[in-house]
Amino acid sequence: MISHKDLVFYLLLAIIPAVFINQFLLKFVKPKKSFRQLMVYILLLLVISLAYTIVVTWILLRFVWPLKQ
């Protein structure tokens, strides 16, 4: 059975790389310079967020809480 403390721990652990990815994107794209760069930043953020969510979910379901077969 999955406890709430475990879930919170793994989600907090997953946030750490996401913060560094966001900091890198801010330095790389520089969304404060122009509206176009802001739109590029938002698009990249959406794509990376979707991919990151899929990867984290796959890791948690595959290795932490494997489904019984």
C-alpha atoms as a PDB file:
ATOM      1  CA  MET A   1       0.000   0.000   0.000  1.00  0.00           C
ATOM      2  CA  ILE A   2       1.260   3.451  -0.918  1.00  0.00           C
ATOM      3  CA  SER A   3       1.478   5.764   2.051  1.00  0.00           C
ATOM      4  CA  HIS A   4       0.969   9.480   1.666  1.00  0.00           C
ATOM      5  CA  LYS A   5       4.373  10.205   3.188  1.00  0.00           C
ATOM      6  CA  ASP A   6       6.086   8.126   0.513  1.00  0.00           C
ATOM      7  CA  LEU A   7       4.207   9.862  -2.254  1.00  0.00           C
ATOM      8  CA  VAL A   8       5.023  13.319  -0.897  1.00  0.00           C
ATOM      9  CA  PHE A   9       8.695  12.355  -0.496  1.00  0.00           C
ATOM     10  CA  TYR A  10       9.031  11.132  -4.086  1.00  0.00           C
ATOM     11  CA  LEU A  11       7.189  14.130  -5.501  1.00  0.00           C
ATOM     12  CA  LEU A  12       9.396  16.528  -3.556  1.00  0.00           C
ATOM     13  CA  LEU A  13      12.415  14.581  -4.763  1.00  0.00           C
ATOM     14  CA  ALA A  14      11.167  14.940  -8.348  1.00  0.00           C
ATOM     15  CA  ILE A  15      10.823  18.711  -7.981  1.00  0.00           C
ATOM     16  CA  ILE A  16      14.561  19.232  -7.422  1.00  0.00           C
ATOM     17  CA  PRO A  17      15.681  18.503 -11.027  1.00  0.00           C
ATOM     18  CA  ALA A  18      12.680  20.435 -12.350  1.00  0.00           C
ATOM     19  CA  VAL A  19      13.890  23.574 -10.574  1.00  0.00           C
ATOM     20  CA  PHE A  20      17.328  23.258 -12.161  1.00  0.00           C
ATOM     21  CA  ILE A  21      15.781  22.666 -15.586  1.00  0.00           C
ATOM     22  CA  ASN A  22      13.704  25.829 -15.160  1.00  0.00           C
ATOM     23  CA  GLN A  23      16.756  27.850 -14.104  1.00  0.00           C
ATOM     24  CA  PHE A  24      18.630  26.613 -17.169  1.00  0.00           C
ATOM     25  CA  LEU A  25      15.716  27.534 -19.436  1.00  0.00           C
ATOM     26  CA  LEU A  26      15.557  31.036 -17.962  1.00  0.00           C
ATOM     27  CA  LYS A  27      19.265  31.571 -18.670  1.00  0.00           C
ATOM     28  CA  PHE A  28      19.132  29.959 -22.110  1.00  0.00           C
ATOM     29  CA  VAL A  29      15.960  31.535 -23.538  1.00  0.00           C
ATOM     30  CA  LYS A  30      15.902  34.849 -21.585  1.00  0.00           C
ATOM     31  CA  PRO A  31      12.133  35.428 -21.759  1.00  0.00           C
ATOM     32  CA  LYS A  32      12.388  39.002 -20.410  1.00  0.00           C
ATOM     33  CA  LYS A  33      14.054  40.221 -23.603  1.00  0.00           C
ATOM     34  CA  SER A  34      11.130  40.026 -25.989  1.00  0.00           C
ATOM     35  CA  PHE A  35       7.622  38.690 -26.440  1.00  0.00           C
ATOM     36  CA  ARG A  36       8.860  36.098 -28.948  1.00  0.00           C
ATOM     37  CA  GLN A  37      11.347  34.683 -26.463  1.00  0.00           C
ATOM     38  CA  LEU A  38       8.623  34.594 -23.818  1.00  0.00           C
ATOM     39  CA  MET A  39       6.460  32.492 -26.153  1.00  0.00           C
ATOM     40  CA  VAL A  40       9.413  30.184 -26.885  1.00  0.00           C
ATOM     41  CA  TYR A  41      10.009  29.820 -23.142  1.00  0.00           C
ATOM     42  CA  ILE A  42       6.344  28.990 -22.480  1.00  0.00           C
ATOM     43  CA  LEU A  43       6.272  26.453 -25.322  1.00  0.00           C
ATOM     44  CA  LEU A  44       9.484  24.793 -24.113  1.00  0.00           C
ATOM     45  CA  LEU A  45       8.157  24.762 -20.562  1.00  0.00           C
ATOM     46  CA  LEU A  46       4.955  23.010 -21.637  1.00  0.00           C
ATOM     47  CA  VAL A  47       6.803  20.393 -23.695  1.00  0.00           C
ATOM     48  CA  ILE A  48       9.406  19.725 -20.996  1.00  0.00           C
ATOM     49  CA  SER A  49       6.716  19.588 -18.288  1.00  0.00           C
ATOM     50  CA  LEU A  50       4.760  16.983 -20.221  1.00  0.00           C
ATOM     51  CA  ALA A  51       7.853  14.876 -20.919  1.00  0.00           C
ATOM     52  CA  TYR A  52       9.097  15.221 -17.330  1.00  0.00           C
ATOM     53  CA  THR A  53       5.705  14.195 -15.922  1.00  0.00           C
ATOM     54  CA  ILE A  54       5.641  11.106 -18.147  1.00  0.00           C
ATOM     55  CA  VAL A  55       9.194  10.120 -17.144  1.00  0.00           C
ATOM     56  CA  VAL A  56       8.635  10.633 -13.407  1.00  0.00           C
ATOM     57  CA  THR A  57       5.358   8.699 -13.515  1.00  0.00           C
ATOM     58  CA  TRP A  58       7.006   5.860 -15.436  1.00  0.00           C
ATOM     59  CA  ILE A  59       9.902   5.690 -12.948  1.00  0.00           C
ATOM     60  CA  LEU A  60       7.571   5.684  -9.948  1.00  0.00           C
ATOM     61  CA  LEU A  61       5.293   3.006 -11.394  1.00  0.00           C
ATOM     62  CA  ARG A  62       8.147   0.877 -12.723  1.00  0.00           C
ATOM     63  CA  PHE A  63      10.607   0.916  -9.831  1.00  0.00           C
ATOM     64  CA  VAL A  64       8.963   2.307  -6.710  1.00  0.00           C
ATOM     65  CA  TRP A  65       5.451   0.891  -6.868  1.00  0.00           C
ATOM     66  CA  PRO A  66       5.471  -1.882  -9.463  1.00  0.00           C
ATOM     67  CA  LEU A  67       2.083  -3.169 -10.527  1.00  0.00           C
ATOM     68  CA  LYS A  68       1.393  -6.747  -9.524  1.00  0.00           C
ATOM     69  CA  GLN A  69       0.834  -9.115 -12.387  1.00  0.00           C
END
